[in-house]
Amino acid sequence: MSEQFWIGLGLAAQLMFAARFFVQWLVSEREGRSVVPIPFWYLSIAGAALLLCYSIYRRDPVFILGQSAGFLIYGRNLIMIHREKREADTGG
C-alpha cells in the first residue's frame, strides 16, 4: 500500500478518535450535565483500532503500546454499560 494511503488512514483515525469528544460535548450540552455516551466508547475503539494499524505500519512501539492499552479500558466500559442495561431490563 502507498504512503499516501497510510497517511490518509492515520488522519482518518485521528479524526475519528477526536470526534468522540465532539459527540461527548454535544450530548452533555443536550443533557445539561457531563455525560459519556455509548457512541464515545465505540468511536474510541474504532479510532484506536485504526491508529493501532497506523502505528504498527510505522513500527512505533510507544504508539503501539498506547493504543493497545486503550482497548482494555474502552472494552471494559462497554461491558459494564451493557451489563447494567441488561440487569435493568431483567430487573436483576
PDB file of N, CA and C in Angstrom:
ATOM      1  N   MET A   1       0.838  -1.179   0.000  1.00  0.00           N
ATOM      2  CA  MET A   1       0.000   0.000   0.000  1.00  0.00           C
ATOM      3  C   MET A   1       0.881   1.239   0.000  1.00  0.00           C
ATOM      4  N   SER A   2       0.381   2.296  -0.577  1.00  0.00           N
ATOM      5  CA  SER A   2       1.185   3.509  -0.732  1.00  0.00           C
ATOM      6  C   SER A   2       1.279   4.303   0.571  1.00  0.00           C
ATOM      7  N   GLU A   3       2.274   5.152   0.604  1.00  0.00           N
ATOM      8  CA  GLU A   3       2.477   6.030   1.760  1.00  0.00           C
ATOM      9  C   GLU A   3       1.276   6.959   1.936  1.00  0.00           C
ATOM     10  N   GLN A   4       0.704   7.425   0.832  1.00  0.00           N
ATOM     11  CA  GLN A   4      -0.468   8.310   0.917  1.00  0.00           C
ATOM     12  C   GLN A   4      -1.648   7.600   1.571  1.00  0.00           C
ATOM     13  N   PHE A   5      -1.818   6.312   1.274  1.00  0.00           N
ATOM     14  CA  PHE A   5      -2.886   5.536   1.905  1.00  0.00           C
ATOM     15  C   PHE A   5      -2.719   5.547   3.416  1.00  0.00           C
ATOM     16  N   TRP A   6      -1.499   5.272   3.893  1.00  0.00           N
ATOM     17  CA  TRP A   6      -1.258   5.183   5.329  1.00  0.00           C
ATOM     18  C   TRP A   6      -1.413   6.536   6.010  1.00  0.00           C
ATOM     19  N   ILE A   7      -0.982   7.589   5.336  1.00  0.00           N
ATOM     20  CA  ILE A   7      -1.171   8.931   5.899  1.00  0.00           C
ATOM     21  C   ILE A   7      -2.665   9.246   5.967  1.00  0.00           C
ATOM     22  N   GLY A   8      -3.402   8.912   4.920  1.00  0.00           N
ATOM     23  CA  GLY A   8      -4.851   9.112   4.925  1.00  0.00           C
ATOM     24  C   GLY A   8      -5.523   8.314   6.030  1.00  0.00           C
ATOM     25  N   LEU A   9      -5.093   7.068   6.203  1.00  0.00           N
ATOM     26  CA  LEU A   9      -5.643   6.227   7.266  1.00  0.00           C
ATOM     27  C   LEU A   9      -5.340   6.832   8.628  1.00  0.00           C
ATOM     28  N   GLY A  10      -4.118   7.267   8.817  1.00  0.00           N
ATOM     29  CA  GLY A  10      -3.730   7.871  10.092  1.00  0.00           C
ATOM     30  C   GLY A  10      -4.531   9.128  10.397  1.00  0.00           C
ATOM     31  N   LEU A  11      -4.737   9.959   9.391  1.00  0.00           N
ATOM     32  CA  LEU A  11      -5.518  11.180   9.583  1.00  0.00           C
ATOM     33  C   LEU A  11      -6.989  10.852   9.864  1.00  0.00           C
ATOM     34  N   ALA A  12      -7.544   9.906   9.113  1.00  0.00           N
ATOM     35  CA  ALA A  12      -8.934   9.499   9.342  1.00  0.00           C
ATOM     36  C   ALA A  12      -9.100   8.920  10.741  1.00  0.00           C
ATOM     37  N   ALA A  13      -8.131   8.118  11.163  1.00  0.00           N
ATOM     38  CA  ALA A  13      -8.179   7.529  12.501  1.00  0.00           C
ATOM     39  C   ALA A  13      -8.131   8.606  13.574  1.00  0.00           C
ATOM     40  N   GLN A  14      -7.272   9.585  13.384  1.00  0.00           N
ATOM     41  CA  GLN A  14      -7.164  10.654  14.372  1.00  0.00           C
ATOM     42  C   GLN A  14      -8.440  11.489  14.418  1.00  0.00           C
ATOM     43  N   LEU A  15      -9.044  11.725  13.265  1.00  0.00           N
ATOM     44  CA  LEU A  15     -10.317  12.454  13.231  1.00  0.00           C
ATOM     45  C   LEU A  15     -11.414  11.668  13.942  1.00  0.00           C
ATOM     46  N   MET A  16     -11.463  10.357  13.719  1.00  0.00           N
ATOM     47  CA  MET A  16     -12.459   9.517  14.378  1.00  0.00           C
ATOM     48  C   MET A  16     -12.250   9.526  15.891  1.00  0.00           C
ATOM     49  N   PHE A  17     -11.010   9.430  16.297  1.00  0.00           N
ATOM     50  CA  PHE A  17     -10.689   9.423  17.720  1.00  0.00           C
ATOM     51  C   PHE A  17     -11.060  10.763  18.356  1.00  0.00           C
ATOM     52  N   ALA A  18     -10.791  11.860  17.643  1.00  0.00           N
ATOM     53  CA  ALA A  18     -11.120  13.184  18.152  1.00  0.00           C
ATOM     54  C   ALA A  18     -12.630  13.426  18.148  1.00  0.00           C
ATOM     55  N   ALA A  19     -13.345  12.813  17.222  1.00  0.00           N
ATOM     56  CA  ALA A  19     -14.795  13.005  17.114  1.00  0.00           C
ATOM     57  C   ALA A  19     -15.520  12.550  18.368  1.00  0.00           C
ATOM     58  N   ARG A  20     -14.933  11.632  19.099  1.00  0.00           N
ATOM     59  CA  ARG A  20     -15.583  11.143  20.309  1.00  0.00           C
ATOM     60  C   ARG A  20     -15.790  12.268  21.318  1.00  0.00           C
ATOM     61  N   PHE A  21     -14.867  13.227  21.361  1.00  0.00           N
ATOM     62  CA  PHE A  21     -15.020  14.352  22.279  1.00  0.00           C
ATOM     63  C   PHE A  21     -16.108  15.307  21.808  1.00  0.00           C
ATOM     64  N   PHE A  22     -16.252  15.453  20.505  1.00  0.00           N
ATOM     65  CA  PHE A  22     -17.331  16.273  19.957  1.00  0.00           C
ATOM     66  C   PHE A  22     -18.683  15.652  20.311  1.00  0.00           C
ATOM     67  N   VAL A  23     -18.795  14.348  20.156  1.00  0.00           N
ATOM     68  CA  VAL A  23     -20.025  13.637  20.500  1.00  0.00           C
ATOM     69  C   VAL A  23     -20.319  13.804  21.994  1.00  0.00           C
ATOM     70  N   GLN A  24     -19.305  13.642  22.810  1.00  0.00           N
ATOM     71  CA  GLN A  24     -19.481  13.771  24.258  1.00  0.00           C
ATOM     72  C   GLN A  24     -19.940  15.179  24.617  1.00  0.00           C
ATOM     73  N   TRP A  25     -19.360  16.174  23.998  1.00  0.00           N
ATOM     74  CA  TRP A  25     -19.727  17.559  24.258  1.00  0.00           C
ATOM     75  C   TRP A  25     -21.176  17.818  23.858  1.00  0.00           C
ATOM     76  N   LEU A  26     -21.579  17.373  22.664  1.00  0.00           N
ATOM     77  CA  LEU A  26     -22.952  17.591  22.200  1.00  0.00           C
ATOM     78  C   LEU A  26     -23.977  16.945  23.130  1.00  0.00           C
ATOM     79  N   VAL A  27     -23.722  15.705  23.516  1.00  0.00           N
ATOM     80  CA  VAL A  27     -24.662  15.008  24.404  1.00  0.00           C
ATOM     81  C   VAL A  27     -24.706  15.694  25.771  1.00  0.00           C
ATOM     82  N   SER A  28     -23.571  16.092  26.276  1.00  0.00           N
ATOM     83  CA  SER A  28     -23.541  16.771  27.578  1.00  0.00           C
ATOM     84  C   SER A  28     -24.290  18.095  27.527  1.00  0.00           C
ATOM     85  N   GLU A  29     -24.130  18.845  26.449  1.00  0.00           N
ATOM     86  CA  GLU A  29     -24.863  20.108  26.306  1.00  0.00           C
ATOM     87  C   GLU A  29     -26.363  19.852  26.255  1.00  0.00           C
ATOM     88  N   ARG A  30     -26.776  18.820  25.529  1.00  0.00           N
ATOM     89  CA  ARG A  30     -28.192  18.493  25.412  1.00  0.00           C
ATOM     90  C   ARG A  30     -28.771  18.077  26.762  1.00  0.00           C
ATOM     91  N   GLU A  31     -27.988  17.305  27.531  1.00  0.00           N
ATOM     92  CA  GLU A  31     -28.450  16.813  28.834  1.00  0.00           C
ATOM     93  C   GLU A  31     -28.315  17.861  29.944  1.00  0.00           C
ATOM     94  N   GLY A  32     -27.464  18.853  29.730  1.00  0.00           N
ATOM     95  CA  GLY A  32     -27.235  19.862  30.756  1.00  0.00           C
ATOM     96  C   GLY A  32     -26.351  19.374  31.883  1.00  0.00           C
ATOM     97  N   ARG A  33     -25.624  18.302  31.644  1.00  0.00           N
ATOM     98  CA  ARG A  33     -24.694  17.736  32.636  1.00  0.00           C
ATOM     99  C   ARG A  33     -23.633  16.943  31.875  1.00  0.00           C
ATOM    100  N   SER A  34     -22.558  16.624  32.534  1.00  0.00           N
ATOM    101  CA  SER A  34     -21.495  15.859  31.892  1.00  0.00           C
ATOM    102  C   SER A  34     -21.924  14.406  31.706  1.00  0.00           C
ATOM    103  N   VAL A  35     -21.885  13.946  30.466  1.00  0.00           N
ATOM    104  CA  VAL A  35     -22.310  12.595  30.115  1.00  0.00           C
ATOM    105  C   VAL A  35     -21.266  11.981  29.186  1.00  0.00           C
ATOM    106  N   VAL A  36     -20.989  10.705  29.385  1.00  0.00           N
ATOM    107  CA  VAL A  36     -20.142   9.968  28.449  1.00  0.00           C
ATOM    108  C   VAL A  36     -21.052   8.966  27.741  1.00  0.00           C
ATOM    109  N   PRO A  37     -21.509   9.303  26.528  1.00  0.00           N
ATOM    110  CA  PRO A  37     -22.471   8.444  25.832  1.00  0.00           C
ATOM    111  C   PRO A  37     -21.808   7.197  25.259  1.00  0.00           C
ATOM    112  N   ILE A  38     -22.620   6.186  24.990  1.00  0.00           N
ATOM    113  CA  ILE A  38     -22.110   4.926  24.444  1.00  0.00           C
ATOM    114  C   ILE A  38     -21.330   5.133  23.134  1.00  0.00           C
ATOM    115  N   PRO A  39     -21.803   6.005  22.212  1.00  0.00           N
ATOM    116  CA  PRO A  39     -21.019   6.198  20.984  1.00  0.00           C
ATOM    117  C   PRO A  39     -19.579   6.668  21.247  1.00  0.00           C
ATOM    118  N   PHE A  40     -19.353   7.346  22.364  1.00  0.00           N
ATOM    119  CA  PHE A  40     -17.998   7.758  22.732  1.00  0.00           C
ATOM    120  C   PHE A  40     -17.077   6.542  22.792  1.00  0.00           C
ATOM    121  N   TRP A  41     -17.565   5.455  23.407  1.00  0.00           N
ATOM    122  CA  TRP A  41     -16.735   4.262  23.579  1.00  0.00           C
ATOM    123  C   TRP A  41     -16.528   3.528  22.258  1.00  0.00           C
ATOM    124  N   TYR A  42     -17.566   3.496  21.414  1.00  0.00           N
ATOM    125  CA  TYR A  42     -17.408   2.849  20.104  1.00  0.00           C
ATOM    126  C   TYR A  42     -16.461   3.638  19.206  1.00  0.00           C
ATOM    127  N   LEU A  43     -16.536   4.971  19.244  1.00  0.00           N
ATOM    128  CA  LEU A  43     -15.580   5.791  18.490  1.00  0.00           C
ATOM    129  C   LEU A  43     -14.169   5.596  19.036  1.00  0.00           C
ATOM    130  N   SER A  44     -14.064   5.421  20.346  1.00  0.00           N
ATOM    131  CA  SER A  44     -12.751   5.170  20.960  1.00  0.00           C
ATOM    132  C   SER A  44     -12.146   3.877  20.433  1.00  0.00           C
ATOM    133  N   ILE A  45     -12.948   2.819  20.388  1.00  0.00           N
ATOM    134  CA  ILE A  45     -12.455   1.527  19.900  1.00  0.00           C
ATOM    135  C   ILE A  45     -12.089   1.605  18.421  1.00  0.00           C
ATOM    136  N   ALA A  46     -12.972   2.197  17.619  1.00  0.00           N
ATOM    137  CA  ALA A  46     -12.710   2.282  16.179  1.00  0.00           C
ATOM    138  C   ALA A  46     -11.492   3.141  15.898  1.00  0.00           C
ATOM    139  N   GLY A  47     -11.411   4.294  16.533  1.00  0.00           N
ATOM    140  CA  GLY A  47     -10.252   5.169  16.335  1.00  0.00           C
ATOM    141  C   GLY A  47      -8.963   4.519  16.799  1.00  0.00           C
ATOM    142  N   ALA A  48      -9.012   3.862  17.951  1.00  0.00           N
ATOM    143  CA  ALA A  48      -7.825   3.193  18.474  1.00  0.00           C
ATOM    144  C   ALA A  48      -7.390   2.046  17.558  1.00  0.00           C
ATOM    145  N   ALA A  49      -8.357   1.318  16.997  1.00  0.00           N
ATOM    146  CA  ALA A  49      -8.011   0.210  16.099  1.00  0.00           C
ATOM    147  C   ALA A  49      -7.288   0.727  14.857  1.00  0.00           C
ATOM    148  N   LEU A  50      -7.816   1.800  14.286  1.00  0.00           N
ATOM    149  CA  LEU A  50      -7.170   2.362  13.096  1.00  0.00           C
ATOM    150  C   LEU A  50      -5.822   2.980  13.434  1.00  0.00           C
ATOM    151  N   LEU A  51      -5.753   3.663  14.571  1.00  0.00           N
ATOM    152  CA  LEU A  51      -4.465   4.228  14.982  1.00  0.00           C
ATOM    153  C   LEU A  51      -3.449   3.132  15.301  1.00  0.00           C
ATOM    154  N   LEU A  52      -3.927   2.020  15.829  1.00  0.00           N
ATOM    155  CA  LEU A  52      -3.024   0.891  16.081  1.00  0.00           C
ATOM    156  C   LEU A  52      -2.470   0.348  14.764  1.00  0.00           C
ATOM    157  N   CYS A  53      -3.331   0.205  13.774  1.00  0.00           N
ATOM    158  CA  CYS A  53      -2.853  -0.240  12.443  1.00  0.00           C
ATOM    159  C   CYS A  53      -1.791   0.708  11.916  1.00  0.00           C
ATOM    160  N   TYR A  54      -2.062   1.988  12.028  1.00  0.00           N
ATOM    161  CA  TYR A  54      -1.116   3.003  11.553  1.00  0.00           C
ATOM    162  C   TYR A  54       0.199   2.931  12.324  1.00  0.00           C
ATOM    163  N   SER A  55       0.113   2.762  13.638  1.00  0.00           N
ATOM    164  CA  SER A  55       1.338   2.727  14.447  1.00  0.00           C
ATOM    165  C   SER A  55       2.146   1.456  14.191  1.00  0.00           C
ATOM    166  N   ILE A  56       1.462   0.357  13.895  1.00  0.00           N
ATOM    167  CA  ILE A  56       2.179  -0.875  13.543  1.00  0.00           C
ATOM    168  C   ILE A  56       2.907  -0.675  12.214  1.00  0.00           C
ATOM    169  N   TYR A  57       2.228  -0.054  11.248  1.00  0.00           N
ATOM    170  CA  TYR A  57       2.875   0.251   9.970  1.00  0.00           C
ATOM    171  C   TYR A  57       4.111   1.114  10.191  1.00  0.00           C
ATOM    172  N   ARG A  58       3.996   2.089  11.081  1.00  0.00           N
ATOM    173  CA  ARG A  58       5.122   2.988  11.376  1.00  0.00           C
ATOM    174  C   ARG A  58       6.173   2.337  12.278  1.00  0.00           C
ATOM    175  N   ARG A  59       5.829   1.189  12.841  1.00  0.00           N
ATOM    176  CA  ARG A  59       6.727   0.469  13.763  1.00  0.00           C
ATOM    177  C   ARG A  59       7.136   1.343  14.946  1.00  0.00           C
ATOM    178  N   ASP A  60       6.135   1.975  15.536  1.00  0.00           N
ATOM    179  CA  ASP A  60       6.355   2.878  16.666  1.00  0.00           C
ATOM    180  C   ASP A  60       5.896   2.187  17.948  1.00  0.00           C
ATOM    181  N   PRO A  61       6.831   1.626  18.718  1.00  0.00           N
ATOM    182  CA  PRO A  61       6.442   0.849  19.904  1.00  0.00           C
ATOM    183  C   PRO A  61       5.701   1.665  20.960  1.00  0.00           C
ATOM    184  N   VAL A  62       6.015   2.936  21.094  1.00  0.00           N
ATOM    185  CA  VAL A  62       5.331   3.775  22.081  1.00  0.00           C
ATOM    186  C   VAL A  62       3.871   3.951  21.683  1.00  0.00           C
ATOM    187  N   PHE A  63       3.632   4.265  20.436  1.00  0.00           N
ATOM    188  CA  PHE A  63       2.288   4.455  19.895  1.00  0.00           C
ATOM    189  C   PHE A  63       1.510   3.125  19.927  1.00  0.00           C
ATOM    190  N   ILE A  64       2.174   2.032  19.593  1.00  0.00           N
ATOM    191  CA  ILE A  64       1.533   0.704  19.617  1.00  0.00           C
ATOM    192  C   ILE A  64       1.066   0.375  21.030  1.00  0.00           C
ATOM    193  N   LEU A  65       1.927   0.560  22.000  1.00  0.00           N
ATOM    194  CA  LEU A  65       1.578   0.275  23.392  1.00  0.00           C
ATOM    195  C   LEU A  65       0.430   1.156  23.865  1.00  0.00           C
ATOM    196  N   GLY A  66       0.496   2.443  23.547  1.00  0.00           N
ATOM    197  CA  GLY A  66      -0.538   3.377  23.975  1.00  0.00           C
ATOM    198  C   GLY A  66      -1.910   3.036  23.407  1.00  0.00           C
ATOM    199  N   GLN A  67      -1.969   2.690  22.129  1.00  0.00           N
ATOM    200  CA  GLN A  67      -3.253   2.366  21.510  1.00  0.00           C
ATOM    201  C   GLN A  67      -3.747   0.993  21.955  1.00  0.00           C
ATOM    202  N   SER A  68      -2.850   0.073  22.182  1.00  0.00           N
ATOM    203  CA  SER A  68      -3.248  -1.270  22.629  1.00  0.00           C
ATOM    204  C   SER A  68      -3.881  -1.221  24.015  1.00  0.00           C
ATOM    205  N   ALA A  69      -3.308  -0.445  24.907  1.00  0.00           N
ATOM    206  CA  ALA A  69      -3.807  -0.366  26.277  1.00  0.00           C
ATOM    207  C   ALA A  69      -5.214   0.200  26.327  1.00  0.00           C
ATOM    208  N   GLY A  70      -5.540   1.111  25.413  1.00  0.00           N
ATOM    209  CA  GLY A  70      -6.857   1.718  25.407  1.00  0.00           C
ATOM    210  C   GLY A  70      -7.980   0.716  25.196  1.00  0.00           C
ATOM    211  N   PHE A  71      -7.714  -0.340  24.415  1.00  0.00           N
ATOM    212  CA  PHE A  71      -8.747  -1.340  24.144  1.00  0.00           C
ATOM    213  C   PHE A  71      -9.297  -1.948  25.426  1.00  0.00           C
ATOM    214  N   LEU A  72      -8.447  -2.172  26.406  1.00  0.00           N
ATOM    215  CA  LEU A  72      -8.903  -2.735  27.683  1.00  0.00           C
ATOM    216  C   LEU A  72      -9.898  -1.801  28.359  1.00  0.00           C
ATOM    217  N   ILE A  73      -9.568  -0.520  28.387  1.00  0.00           N
ATOM    218  CA  ILE A  73     -10.418   0.463  29.049  1.00  0.00           C
ATOM    219  C   ILE A  73     -11.739   0.632  28.298  1.00  0.00           C
ATOM    220  N   TYR A  74     -11.662   0.810  26.983  1.00  0.00           N
ATOM    221  CA  TYR A  74     -12.872   1.040  26.191  1.00  0.00           C
ATOM    222  C   TYR A  74     -13.785  -0.185  26.226  1.00  0.00           C
ATOM    223  N   GLY A  75     -13.193  -1.343  26.057  1.00  0.00           N
ATOM    224  CA  GLY A  75     -13.970  -2.577  26.086  1.00  0.00           C
ATOM    225  C   GLY A  75     -14.611  -2.824  27.441  1.00  0.00           C
ATOM    226  N   ARG A  76     -13.863  -2.599  28.486  1.00  0.00           N
ATOM    227  CA  ARG A  76     -14.393  -2.808  29.845  1.00  0.00           C
ATOM    228  C   ARG A  76     -15.564  -1.876  30.118  1.00  0.00           C
ATOM    229  N   ASN A  77     -15.467  -0.636  29.698  1.00  0.00           N
ATOM    230  CA  ASN A  77     -16.571   0.298  29.890  1.00  0.00           C
ATOM    231  C   ASN A  77     -17.816  -0.164  29.143  1.00  0.00           C
ATOM    232  N   LEU A  78     -17.667  -0.638  27.921  1.00  0.00           N
ATOM    233  CA  LEU A  78     -18.818  -1.134  27.160  1.00  0.00           C
ATOM    234  C   LEU A  78     -19.429  -2.369  27.818  1.00  0.00           C
ATOM    235  N   ILE A  79     -18.592  -3.257  28.329  1.00  0.00           N
ATOM    236  CA  ILE A  79     -19.103  -4.439  29.030  1.00  0.00           C
ATOM    237  C   ILE A  79     -19.933  -4.010  30.237  1.00  0.00           C
ATOM    238  N   MET A  80     -19.421  -3.065  31.024  1.00  0.00           N
ATOM    239  CA  MET A  80     -20.152  -2.608  32.212  1.00  0.00           C
ATOM    240  C   MET A  80     -21.457  -1.915  31.828  1.00  0.00           C
ATOM    241  N   ILE A  81     -21.438  -1.110  30.775  1.00  0.00           N
ATOM    242  CA  ILE A  81     -22.644  -0.411  30.329  1.00  0.00           C
ATOM    243  C   ILE A  81     -23.706  -1.416  29.890  1.00  0.00           C
ATOM    244  N   HIS A  82     -23.311  -2.379  29.070  1.00  0.00           N
ATOM    245  CA  HIS A  82     -24.281  -3.352  28.568  1.00  0.00           C
ATOM    246  C   HIS A  82     -24.770  -4.291  29.676  1.00  0.00           C
ATOM    247  N   ARG A  83     -23.915  -4.626  30.623  1.00  0.00           N
ATOM    248  CA  ARG A  83     -24.343  -5.444  31.760  1.00  0.00           C
ATOM    249  C   ARG A  83     -25.373  -4.690  32.595  1.00  0.00           C
ATOM    250  N   GLU A  84     -25.127  -3.427  32.837  1.00  0.00           N
ATOM    251  CA  GLU A  84     -26.054  -2.606  33.609  1.00  0.00           C
ATOM    252  C   GLU A  84     -27.409  -2.503  32.901  1.00  0.00           C
ATOM    253  N   LYS A  85     -27.392  -2.302  31.594  1.00  0.00           N
ATOM    254  CA  LYS A  85     -28.650  -2.235  30.830  1.00  0.00           C
ATOM    255  C   LYS A  85     -29.397  -3.563  30.878  1.00  0.00           C
ATOM    256  N   ARG A  86     -28.660  -4.664  30.730  1.00  0.00           N
ATOM    257  CA  ARG A  86     -29.288  -5.980  30.759  1.00  0.00           C
ATOM    258  C   ARG A  86     -29.924  -6.239  32.122  1.00  0.00           C
ATOM    259  N   GLU A  87     -29.241  -5.877  33.184  1.00  0.00           N
ATOM    260  CA  GLU A  87     -29.780  -6.067  34.540  1.00  0.00           C
ATOM    261  C   GLU A  87     -30.998  -5.182  34.767  1.00  0.00           C
ATOM    262  N   ALA A  88     -30.981  -3.982  34.228  1.00  0.00           N
ATOM    263  CA  ALA A  88     -32.133  -3.083  34.377  1.00  0.00           C
ATOM    264  C   ALA A  88     -33.331  -3.632  33.602  1.00  0.00           C
ATOM    265  N   ASP A  89     -33.069  -4.227  32.446  1.00  0.00           N
ATOM    266  CA  ASP A  89     -34.151  -4.780  31.636  1.00  0.00           C
ATOM    267  C   ASP A  89     -34.775  -6.025  32.261  1.00  0.00           C
ATOM    268  N   THR A  90     -33.946  -6.807  32.963  1.00  0.00           N
ATOM    269  CA  THR A  90     -34.443  -8.048  33.562  1.00  0.00           C
ATOM    270  C   THR A  90     -34.863  -7.856  35.016  1.00  0.00           C
ATOM    271  N   GLY A  91     -34.614  -6.664  35.548  1.00  0.00           N
ATOM    272  CA  GLY A  91     -34.997  -6.380  36.923  1.00  0.00           C
ATOM    273  C   GLY A  91     -34.051  -6.986  37.945  1.00  0.00           C
ATOM    274  N   GLY A  92     -32.857  -7.394  37.487  1.00  0.00           N
ATOM    275  CA  GLY A  92     -31.966  -8.043  38.432  1.00  0.00           C
ATOM    276  C   GLY A  92     -30.709  -7.360  38.504  1.00  0.00           C
TER     277      GLY A  92
END
